[in-house]
Amino acid sequence: MTTKFSPEAVQKIARLSSLELTEKETEVFAKQFSGIMEYFELLKTAEIPDVVSNVDESHLGDSRKDKMLKSPVSPEQFSPYLEDGFFKVPRVIDQ
């Protein structure tokens, strides 16, 4: 994996993020992103000794198992706008 970010890659990220960057900002971000990726590459080479887990999970009991709990409140009490068992909300994004 390459650790160098081109100005074109930074501009693409900016467009996807709805940001407008100057040429100077693009150069600065390209250097910063490249530096961040170099640190990730450095982390890949770090030696990590085998670690024995000392976390005691016996107190968790059944709390981690998937369970369907029935709500003491009916969905109609949360919202009067239900359709086919789903809450109906106003549209917030126009298509």
PDB file of N, CA and C in Angstrom:
ATOM      1  N   MET A   1       0.852  -1.187   0.000  1.00  0.00           N
ATOM      2  CA  MET A   1       0.000   0.000   0.000  1.00  0.00           C
ATOM      3  C   MET A   1       0.888   1.238   0.000  1.00  0.00           C
ATOM      4  N   THR A   2       0.562   2.159  -0.856  1.00  0.00           N
ATOM      5  CA  THR A   2       1.354   3.380  -0.934  1.00  0.00           C
ATOM      6  C   THR A   2       0.987   4.332   0.195  1.00  0.00           C
ATOM      7  N   THR A   3       1.998   5.058   0.657  1.00  0.00           N
ATOM      8  CA  THR A   3       1.749   6.001   1.745  1.00  0.00           C
ATOM      9  C   THR A   3       1.690   7.431   1.238  1.00  0.00           C
ATOM     10  N   LYS A   4       1.885   7.629  -0.050  1.00  0.00           N
ATOM     11  CA  LYS A   4       1.874   8.976  -0.621  1.00  0.00           C
ATOM     12  C   LYS A   4       0.482   9.334  -1.132  1.00  0.00           C
ATOM     13  N   PHE A   5       0.027  10.509  -0.746  1.00  0.00           N
ATOM     14  CA  PHE A   5      -1.253  11.023  -1.229  1.00  0.00           C
ATOM     15  C   PHE A   5      -0.975  12.070  -2.291  1.00  0.00           C
ATOM     16  N   SER A   6      -1.576  11.906  -3.437  1.00  0.00           N
ATOM     17  CA  SER A   6      -1.418  12.889  -4.509  1.00  0.00           C
ATOM     18  C   SER A   6      -2.409  14.028  -4.287  1.00  0.00           C
ATOM     19  N   PRO A   7      -2.118  15.196  -4.856  1.00  0.00           N
ATOM     20  CA  PRO A   7      -3.082  16.300  -4.769  1.00  0.00           C
ATOM     21  C   PRO A   7      -4.440  15.923  -5.363  1.00  0.00           C
ATOM     22  N   GLU A   8      -4.424  15.072  -6.394  1.00  0.00           N
ATOM     23  CA  GLU A   8      -5.686  14.641  -7.005  1.00  0.00           C
ATOM     24  C   GLU A   8      -6.513  13.815  -6.024  1.00  0.00           C
ATOM     25  N   ALA A   9      -5.848  12.959  -5.250  1.00  0.00           N
ATOM     26  CA  ALA A   9      -6.558  12.147  -4.253  1.00  0.00           C
ATOM     27  C   ALA A   9      -7.158  13.040  -3.172  1.00  0.00           C
ATOM     28  N   VAL A  10      -6.407  14.060  -2.767  1.00  0.00           N
ATOM     29  CA  VAL A  10      -6.916  14.990  -1.750  1.00  0.00           C
ATOM     30  C   VAL A  10      -8.112  15.756  -2.295  1.00  0.00           C
ATOM     31  N   GLN A  11      -8.040  16.184  -3.550  1.00  0.00           N
ATOM     32  CA  GLN A  11      -9.167  16.903  -4.154  1.00  0.00           C
ATOM     33  C   GLN A  11     -10.401  16.003  -4.249  1.00  0.00           C
ATOM     34  N   LYS A  12     -10.200  14.725  -4.547  1.00  0.00           N
ATOM     35  CA  LYS A  12     -11.331  13.794  -4.619  1.00  0.00           C
ATOM     36  C   LYS A  12     -11.976  13.641  -3.243  1.00  0.00           C
ATOM     37  N   ILE A  13     -11.147  13.497  -2.208  1.00  0.00           N
ATOM     38  CA  ILE A  13     -11.670  13.402  -0.838  1.00  0.00           C
ATOM     39  C   ILE A  13     -12.425  14.676  -0.484  1.00  0.00           C
ATOM     40  N   ALA A  14     -11.881  15.820  -0.872  1.00  0.00           N
ATOM     41  CA  ALA A  14     -12.533  17.101  -0.594  1.00  0.00           C
ATOM     42  C   ALA A  14     -13.886  17.181  -1.288  1.00  0.00           C
ATOM     43  N   ARG A  15     -13.948  16.755  -2.557  1.00  0.00           N
ATOM     44  CA  ARG A  15     -15.233  16.780  -3.277  1.00  0.00           C
ATOM     45  C   ARG A  15     -16.254  15.880  -2.592  1.00  0.00           C
ATOM     46  N   LEU A  16     -15.825  14.670  -2.202  1.00  0.00           N
ATOM     47  CA  LEU A  16     -16.739  13.744  -1.528  1.00  0.00           C
ATOM     48  C   LEU A  16     -17.216  14.298  -0.187  1.00  0.00           C
ATOM     49  N   SER A  17     -16.391  15.161   0.419  1.00  0.00           N
ATOM     50  CA  SER A  17     -16.743  15.766   1.708  1.00  0.00           C
ATOM     51  C   SER A  17     -17.416  17.117   1.538  1.00  0.00           C
ATOM     52  N   SER A  18     -17.696  17.500   0.309  1.00  0.00           N
ATOM     53  CA  SER A  18     -18.304  18.800  -0.016  1.00  0.00           C
ATOM     54  C   SER A  18     -17.460  19.959   0.514  1.00  0.00           C
ATOM     55  N   LEU A  19     -16.145  19.845   0.330  1.00  0.00           N
ATOM     56  CA  LEU A  19     -15.220  20.895   0.750  1.00  0.00           C
ATOM     57  C   LEU A  19     -14.539  21.490  -0.475  1.00  0.00           C
ATOM     58  N   GLU A  20     -14.230  22.763  -0.390  1.00  0.00           N
ATOM     59  CA  GLU A  20     -13.461  23.420  -1.436  1.00  0.00           C
ATOM     60  C   GLU A  20     -12.109  23.777  -0.847  1.00  0.00           C
ATOM     61  N   LEU A  21     -11.038  23.282  -1.469  1.00  0.00           N
ATOM     62  CA  LEU A  21      -9.691  23.534  -0.981  1.00  0.00           C
ATOM     63  C   LEU A  21      -8.911  24.348  -1.997  1.00  0.00           C
ATOM     64  N   THR A  22      -8.067  25.239  -1.483  1.00  0.00           N
ATOM     65  CA  THR A  22      -7.154  25.960  -2.363  1.00  0.00           C
ATOM     66  C   THR A  22      -6.011  25.023  -2.734  1.00  0.00           C
ATOM     67  N   GLU A  23      -5.211  25.452  -3.695  1.00  0.00           N
ATOM     68  CA  GLU A  23      -4.065  24.636  -4.107  1.00  0.00           C
ATOM     69  C   GLU A  23      -3.091  24.453  -2.942  1.00  0.00           C
ATOM     70  N   LYS A  24      -2.886  25.507  -2.175  1.00  0.00           N
ATOM     71  CA  LYS A  24      -1.984  25.441  -1.014  1.00  0.00           C
ATOM     72  C   LYS A  24      -2.528  24.461   0.028  1.00  0.00           C
ATOM     73  N   GLU A  25      -3.829  24.532   0.318  1.00  0.00           N
ATOM     74  CA  GLU A  25      -4.441  23.610   1.283  1.00  0.00           C
ATOM     75  C   GLU A  25      -4.334  22.166   0.802  1.00  0.00           C
ATOM     76  N   THR A  26      -4.503  21.976  -0.503  1.00  0.00           N
ATOM     77  CA  THR A  26      -4.399  20.632  -1.074  1.00  0.00           C
ATOM     78  C   THR A  26      -3.004  20.065  -0.851  1.00  0.00           C
ATOM     79  N   GLU A  27      -1.981  20.887  -1.071  1.00  0.00           N
ATOM     80  CA  GLU A  27      -0.599  20.440  -0.859  1.00  0.00           C
ATOM     81  C   GLU A  27      -0.347  20.110   0.607  1.00  0.00           C
ATOM     82  N   VAL A  28      -0.836  20.965   1.501  1.00  0.00           N
ATOM     83  CA  VAL A  28      -0.643  20.739   2.940  1.00  0.00           C
ATOM     84  C   VAL A  28      -1.322  19.445   3.367  1.00  0.00           C
ATOM     85  N   PHE A  29      -2.565  19.242   2.940  1.00  0.00           N
ATOM     86  CA  PHE A  29      -3.286  18.022   3.318  1.00  0.00           C
ATOM     87  C   PHE A  29      -2.633  16.780   2.717  1.00  0.00           C
ATOM     88  N   ALA A  30      -2.115  16.882   1.501  1.00  0.00           N
ATOM     89  CA  ALA A  30      -1.447  15.734   0.885  1.00  0.00           C
ATOM     90  C   ALA A  30      -0.247  15.315   1.726  1.00  0.00           C
ATOM     91  N   LYS A  31       0.533  16.288   2.195  1.00  0.00           N
ATOM     92  CA  LYS A  31       1.685  15.979   3.054  1.00  0.00           C
ATOM     93  C   LYS A  31       1.228  15.389   4.385  1.00  0.00           C
ATOM     94  N   GLN A  32       0.175  15.973   4.972  1.00  0.00           N
ATOM     95  CA  GLN A  32      -0.312  15.482   6.263  1.00  0.00           C
ATOM     96  C   GLN A  32      -0.879  14.071   6.143  1.00  0.00           C
ATOM     97  N   PHE A  33      -1.679  13.815   5.116  1.00  0.00           N
ATOM     98  CA  PHE A  33      -2.238  12.472   4.915  1.00  0.00           C
ATOM     99  C   PHE A  33      -1.121  11.457   4.694  1.00  0.00           C
ATOM    100  N   SER A  34      -0.110  11.842   3.916  1.00  0.00           N
ATOM    101  CA  SER A  34       1.014  10.938   3.670  1.00  0.00           C
ATOM    102  C   SER A  34       1.738  10.618   4.970  1.00  0.00           C
ATOM    103  N   GLY A  35       1.913  11.629   5.820  1.00  0.00           N
ATOM    104  CA  GLY A  35       2.554  11.409   7.119  1.00  0.00           C
ATOM    105  C   GLY A  35       1.758  10.463   7.999  1.00  0.00           C
ATOM    106  N   ILE A  36       0.456  10.611   7.988  1.00  0.00           N
ATOM    107  CA  ILE A  36      -0.413   9.725   8.778  1.00  0.00           C
ATOM    108  C   ILE A  36      -0.285   8.291   8.277  1.00  0.00           C
ATOM    109  N   MET A  37      -0.295   8.117   6.956  1.00  0.00           N
ATOM    110  CA  MET A  37      -0.186   6.771   6.392  1.00  0.00           C
ATOM    111  C   MET A  37       1.177   6.151   6.694  1.00  0.00           C
ATOM    112  N   GLU A  38       2.233   6.969   6.755  1.00  0.00           N
ATOM    113  CA  GLU A  38       3.555   6.452   7.121  1.00  0.00           C
ATOM    114  C   GLU A  38       3.541   5.907   8.547  1.00  0.00           C
ATOM    115  N   TYR A  39       2.816   6.573   9.448  1.00  0.00           N
ATOM    116  CA  TYR A  39       2.705   6.069  10.819  1.00  0.00           C
ATOM    117  C   TYR A  39       1.976   4.729  10.849  1.00  0.00           C
ATOM    118  N   PHE A  40       0.950   4.574  10.033  1.00  0.00           N
ATOM    119  CA  PHE A  40       0.249   3.283   9.966  1.00  0.00           C
ATOM    120  C   PHE A  40       1.188   2.185   9.470  1.00  0.00           C
ATOM    121  N   GLU A  41       2.003   2.499   8.474  1.00  0.00           N
ATOM    122  CA  GLU A  41       2.973   1.525   7.977  1.00  0.00           C
ATOM    123  C   GLU A  41       3.972   1.167   9.073  1.00  0.00           C
ATOM    124  N   LEU A  42       4.376   2.156   9.867  1.00  0.00           N
ATOM    125  CA  LEU A  42       5.295   1.915  10.976  1.00  0.00           C
ATOM    126  C   LEU A  42       4.652   1.010  12.022  1.00  0.00           C
ATOM    127  N   LEU A  43       3.374   1.216  12.286  1.00  0.00           N
ATOM    128  CA  LEU A  43       2.666   0.375  13.257  1.00  0.00           C
ATOM    129  C   LEU A  43       2.598  -1.077  12.802  1.00  0.00           C
ATOM    130  N   LYS A  44       2.530  -1.298  11.496  1.00  0.00           N
ATOM    131  CA  LYS A  44       2.483  -2.671  10.981  1.00  0.00           C
ATOM    132  C   LYS A  44       3.747  -3.449  11.335  1.00  0.00           C
ATOM    133  N   THR A  45       4.860  -2.745  11.474  1.00  0.00           N
ATOM    134  CA  THR A  45       6.131  -3.414  11.750  1.00  0.00           C
ATOM    135  C   THR A  45       6.420  -3.537  13.243  1.00  0.00           C
ATOM    136  N   ALA A  46       5.604  -2.941  14.080  1.00  0.00           N
ATOM    137  CA  ALA A  46       5.851  -2.980  15.526  1.00  0.00           C
ATOM    138  C   ALA A  46       5.666  -4.393  16.060  1.00  0.00           C
ATOM    139  N   GLU A  47       6.594  -4.798  16.926  1.00  0.00           N
ATOM    140  CA  GLU A  47       6.487  -6.113  17.549  1.00  0.00           C
ATOM    141  C   GLU A  47       5.545  -6.022  18.741  1.00  0.00           C
ATOM    142  N   ILE A  48       4.585  -6.913  18.769  1.00  0.00           N
ATOM    143  CA  ILE A  48       3.616  -6.946  19.861  1.00  0.00           C
ATOM    144  C   ILE A  48       3.747  -8.298  20.545  1.00  0.00           C
ATOM    145  N   PRO A  49       4.165  -8.300  21.805  1.00  0.00           N
ATOM    146  CA  PRO A  49       4.299  -9.581  22.509  1.00  0.00           C
ATOM    147  C   PRO A  49       2.927 -10.200  22.758  1.00  0.00           C
ATOM    148  N   ASP A  50       2.935 -11.527  22.904  1.00  0.00           N
ATOM    149  CA  ASP A  50       1.681 -12.211  23.222  1.00  0.00           C
ATOM    150  C   ASP A  50       1.169 -11.715  24.564  1.00  0.00           C
ATOM    151  N   VAL A  51      -0.068 -11.314  24.584  1.00  0.00           N
ATOM    152  CA  VAL A  51      -0.674 -10.788  25.799  1.00  0.00           C
ATOM    153  C   VAL A  51      -1.758 -11.750  26.245  1.00  0.00           C
ATOM    154  N   VAL A  52      -1.705 -12.115  27.508  1.00  0.00           N
ATOM    155  CA  VAL A  52      -2.726 -12.992  28.068  1.00  0.00           C
ATOM    156  C   VAL A  52      -3.837 -12.108  28.609  1.00  0.00           C
ATOM    157  N   SER A  53      -5.046 -12.408  28.219  1.00  0.00           N
ATOM    158  CA  SER A  53      -6.186 -11.616  28.674  1.00  0.00           C
ATOM    159  C   SER A  53      -6.407 -11.822  30.163  1.00  0.00           C
ATOM    160  N   ASN A  54      -6.547 -10.729  30.877  1.00  0.00           N
ATOM    161  CA  ASN A  54      -6.826 -10.826  32.305  1.00  0.00           C
ATOM    162  C   ASN A  54      -8.219 -10.286  32.625  1.00  0.00           C
ATOM    163  N   VAL A  55      -9.059 -10.279  31.626  1.00  0.00           N
ATOM    164  CA  VAL A  55     -10.419  -9.792  31.810  1.00  0.00           C
ATOM    165  C   VAL A  55     -11.303 -10.957  32.241  1.00  0.00           C
ATOM    166  N   ASP A  56     -11.977 -10.777  33.344  1.00  0.00           N
ATOM    167  CA  ASP A  56     -12.874 -11.812  33.854  1.00  0.00           C
ATOM    168  C   ASP A  56     -14.276 -11.512  33.350  1.00  0.00           C
ATOM    169  N   GLU A  57     -14.799 -12.393  32.508  1.00  0.00           N
ATOM    170  CA  GLU A  57     -16.121 -12.184  31.930  1.00  0.00           C
ATOM    171  C   GLU A  57     -17.188 -13.030  32.601  1.00  0.00           C
ATOM    172  N   SER A  58     -16.850 -13.689  33.695  1.00  0.00           N
ATOM    173  CA  SER A  58     -17.819 -14.577  34.336  1.00  0.00           C
ATOM    174  C   SER A  58     -19.006 -13.813  34.915  1.00  0.00           C
ATOM    175  N   HIS A  59     -18.820 -12.543  35.246  1.00  0.00           N
ATOM    176  CA  HIS A  59     -19.910 -11.756  35.827  1.00  0.00           C
ATOM    177  C   HIS A  59     -20.957 -11.349  34.785  1.00  0.00           C
ATOM    178  N   LEU A  60     -20.635 -11.529  33.506  1.00  0.00           N
ATOM    179  CA  LEU A  60     -21.568 -11.114  32.460  1.00  0.00           C
ATOM    180  C   LEU A  60     -22.777 -12.036  32.358  1.00  0.00           C
ATOM    181  N   GLY A  61     -22.594 -13.291  32.653  1.00  0.00           N
ATOM    182  CA  GLY A  61     -23.712 -14.228  32.606  1.00  0.00           C
ATOM    183  C   GLY A  61     -24.366 -14.256  31.245  1.00  0.00           C
ATOM    184  N   ASP A  62     -25.691 -14.157  31.220  1.00  0.00           N
ATOM    185  CA  ASP A  62     -26.449 -14.207  29.972  1.00  0.00           C
ATOM    186  C   ASP A  62     -26.596 -12.843  29.308  1.00  0.00           C
ATOM    187  N   SER A  63     -26.021 -11.810  29.873  1.00  0.00           N
ATOM    188  CA  SER A  63     -26.254 -10.468  29.343  1.00  0.00           C
ATOM    189  C   SER A  63     -25.706 -10.288  27.932  1.00  0.00           C
ATOM    190  N   ARG A  64     -24.823 -11.144  27.491  1.00  0.00           N
ATOM    191  CA  ARG A  64     -24.252 -10.999  26.162  1.00  0.00           C
ATOM    192  C   ARG A  64     -24.993 -11.805  25.113  1.00  0.00           C
ATOM    193  N   LYS A  65     -25.941 -12.595  25.502  1.00  0.00           N
ATOM    194  CA  LYS A  65     -26.679 -13.395  24.535  1.00  0.00           C
ATOM    195  C   LYS A  65     -27.772 -12.548  23.890  1.00  0.00           C
ATOM    196  N   ASP A  66     -28.032 -12.843  22.632  1.00  0.00           N
ATOM    197  CA  ASP A  66     -29.091 -12.120  21.927  1.00  0.00           C
ATOM    198  C   ASP A  66     -30.443 -12.482  22.513  1.00  0.00           C
ATOM    199  N   LYS A  67     -31.169 -11.464  22.886  1.00  0.00           N
ATOM    200  CA  LYS A  67     -32.512 -11.668  23.423  1.00  0.00           C
ATOM    201  C   LYS A  67     -33.418 -10.583  22.863  1.00  0.00           C
ATOM    202  N   MET A  68     -34.621 -10.952  22.589  1.00  0.00           N
ATOM    203  CA  MET A  68     -35.618  -9.976  22.189  1.00  0.00           C
ATOM    204  C   MET A  68     -36.436  -9.645  23.423  1.00  0.00           C
ATOM    205  N   LEU A  69     -36.316  -8.426  23.881  1.00  0.00           N
ATOM    206  CA  LEU A  69     -37.068  -8.002  25.050  1.00  0.00           C
ATOM    207  C   LEU A  69     -38.326  -7.286  24.600  1.00  0.00           C
ATOM    208  N   LYS A  70     -39.401  -7.546  25.280  1.00  0.00           N
ATOM    209  CA  LYS A  70     -40.648  -6.854  24.961  1.00  0.00           C
ATOM    210  C   LYS A  70     -40.668  -5.531  25.702  1.00  0.00           C
ATOM    211  N   SER A  71     -41.023  -4.503  24.977  1.00  0.00           N
ATOM    212  CA  SER A  71     -41.097  -3.178  25.563  1.00  0.00           C
ATOM    213  C   SER A  71     -42.362  -3.066  26.408  1.00  0.00           C
ATOM    214  N   PRO A  72     -42.262  -2.459  27.599  1.00  0.00           N
ATOM    215  CA  PRO A  72     -43.458  -2.273  28.409  1.00  0.00           C
ATOM    216  C   PRO A  72     -44.393  -1.212  27.815  1.00  0.00           C
ATOM    217  N   VAL A  73     -43.895  -0.486  26.823  1.00  0.00           N
ATOM    218  CA  VAL A  73     -44.679   0.567  26.183  1.00  0.00           C
ATOM    219  C   VAL A  73     -44.949   0.135  24.746  1.00  0.00           C
ATOM    220  N   SER A  74     -46.171   0.293  24.300  1.00  0.00           N
ATOM    221  CA  SER A  74     -46.501  -0.080  22.926  1.00  0.00           C
ATOM    222  C   SER A  74     -45.956   0.977  21.961  1.00  0.00           C
ATOM    223  N   PRO A  75     -45.652   0.590  20.734  1.00  0.00           N
ATOM    224  CA  PRO A  75     -45.141   1.554  19.755  1.00  0.00           C
ATOM    225  C   PRO A  75     -46.086   2.731  19.533  1.00  0.00           C
ATOM    226  N   GLU A  76     -47.389   2.489  19.658  1.00  0.00           N
ATOM    227  CA  GLU A  76     -48.355   3.571  19.462  1.00  0.00           C
ATOM    228  C   GLU A  76     -48.194   4.669  20.513  1.00  0.00           C
ATOM    229  N   GLN A  77     -47.665   4.314  21.685  1.00  0.00           N
ATOM    230  CA  GLN A  77     -47.462   5.320  22.724  1.00  0.00           C
ATOM    231  C   GLN A  77     -46.242   6.192  22.421  1.00  0.00           C
ATOM    232  N   PHE A  78     -45.307   5.678  21.635  1.00  0.00           N
ATOM    233  CA  PHE A  78     -44.144   6.472  21.253  1.00  0.00           C
ATOM    234  C   PHE A  78     -44.511   7.481  20.178  1.00  0.00           C
ATOM    235  N   SER A  79     -45.308   7.047  19.218  1.00  0.00           N
ATOM    236  CA  SER A  79     -45.674   7.907  18.106  1.00  0.00           C
ATOM    237  C   SER A  79     -46.993   7.435  17.517  1.00  0.00           C
ATOM    238  N   PRO A  80     -47.875   8.364  17.213  1.00  0.00           N
ATOM    239  CA  PRO A  80     -49.139   7.967  16.604  1.00  0.00           C
ATOM    240  C   PRO A  80     -48.988   7.672  15.108  1.00  0.00           C
ATOM    241  N   TYR A  81     -47.816   7.940  14.545  1.00  0.00           N
ATOM    242  CA  TYR A  81     -47.609   7.778  13.108  1.00  0.00           C
ATOM    243  C   TYR A  81     -46.905   6.453  12.823  1.00  0.00           C
ATOM    244  N   LEU A  82     -47.692   5.407  12.699  1.00  0.00           N
ATOM    245  CA  LEU A  82     -47.162   4.083  12.391  1.00  0.00           C
ATOM    246  C   LEU A  82     -47.712   3.612  11.059  1.00  0.00           C
ATOM    247  N   GLU A  83     -46.855   2.918  10.313  1.00  0.00           N
ATOM    248  CA  GLU A  83     -47.291   2.347   9.049  1.00  0.00           C
ATOM    249  C   GLU A  83     -46.602   0.991   8.893  1.00  0.00           C
ATOM    250  N   ASP A  84     -47.365  -0.069   8.856  1.00  0.00           N
ATOM    251  CA  ASP A  84     -46.843  -1.433   8.738  1.00  0.00           C
ATOM    252  C   ASP A  84     -45.832  -1.758   9.836  1.00  0.00           C
ATOM    253  N   GLY A  85     -46.069  -1.257  11.040  1.00  0.00           N
ATOM    254  CA  GLY A  85     -45.192  -1.554  12.163  1.00  0.00           C
ATOM    255  C   GLY A  85     -43.953  -0.682  12.251  1.00  0.00           C
ATOM    256  N   PHE A  86     -43.814   0.297  11.346  1.00  0.00           N
ATOM    257  CA  PHE A  86     -42.666   1.189  11.354  1.00  0.00           C
ATOM    258  C   PHE A  86     -43.123   2.606  11.673  1.00  0.00           C
ATOM    259  N   PHE A  87     -42.239   3.386  12.288  1.00  0.00           N
ATOM    260  CA  PHE A  87     -42.545   4.783  12.562  1.00  0.00           C
ATOM    261  C   PHE A  87     -42.448   5.573  11.266  1.00  0.00           C
ATOM    262  N   LYS A  88     -43.437   6.400  11.028  1.00  0.00           N
ATOM    263  CA  LYS A  88     -43.446   7.236   9.830  1.00  0.00           C
ATOM    264  C   LYS A  88     -42.953   8.617  10.245  1.00  0.00           C
ATOM    265  N   VAL A  89     -41.925   9.100   9.547  1.00  0.00           N
ATOM    266  CA  VAL A  89     -41.327  10.392   9.881  1.00  0.00           C
ATOM    267  C   VAL A  89     -41.336  11.277   8.643  1.00  0.00           C
ATOM    268  N   PRO A  90     -41.229  12.604   8.835  1.00  0.00           N
ATOM    269  CA  PRO A  90     -41.204  13.491   7.682  1.00  0.00           C
ATOM    270  C   PRO A  90     -39.931  13.284   6.856  1.00  0.00           C
ATOM    271  N   ARG A  91     -40.042  13.481   5.570  1.00  0.00           N
ATOM    272  CA  ARG A  91     -38.890  13.366   4.672  1.00  0.00           C
ATOM    273  C   ARG A  91     -37.940  14.524   4.958  1.00  0.00           C
ATOM    274  N   VAL A  92     -36.656  14.213   5.101  1.00  0.00           N
ATOM    275  CA  VAL A  92     -35.671  15.256   5.363  1.00  0.00           C
ATOM    276  C   VAL A  92     -34.686  15.419   4.212  1.00  0.00           C
ATOM    277  N   ILE A  93     -34.653  14.462   3.300  1.00  0.00           N
ATOM    278  CA  ILE A  93     -33.751  14.550   2.154  1.00  0.00           C
ATOM    279  C   ILE A  93     -34.594  14.475   0.889  1.00  0.00           C
ATOM    280  N   ASP A  94     -34.466  15.495   0.055  1.00  0.00           N
ATOM    281  CA  ASP A  94     -35.180  15.482  -1.223  1.00  0.00           C
ATOM    282  C   ASP A  94     -34.378  14.670  -2.225  1.00  0.00           C
ATOM    283  N   GLN A  95     -35.095  13.942  -3.054  1.00  0.00           N
ATOM    284  CA  GLN A  95     -34.392  13.137  -4.059  1.00  0.00           C
ATOM    285  C   GLN A  95     -34.496  13.787  -5.406  1.00  0.00           C
TER     286      GLN A  95
END
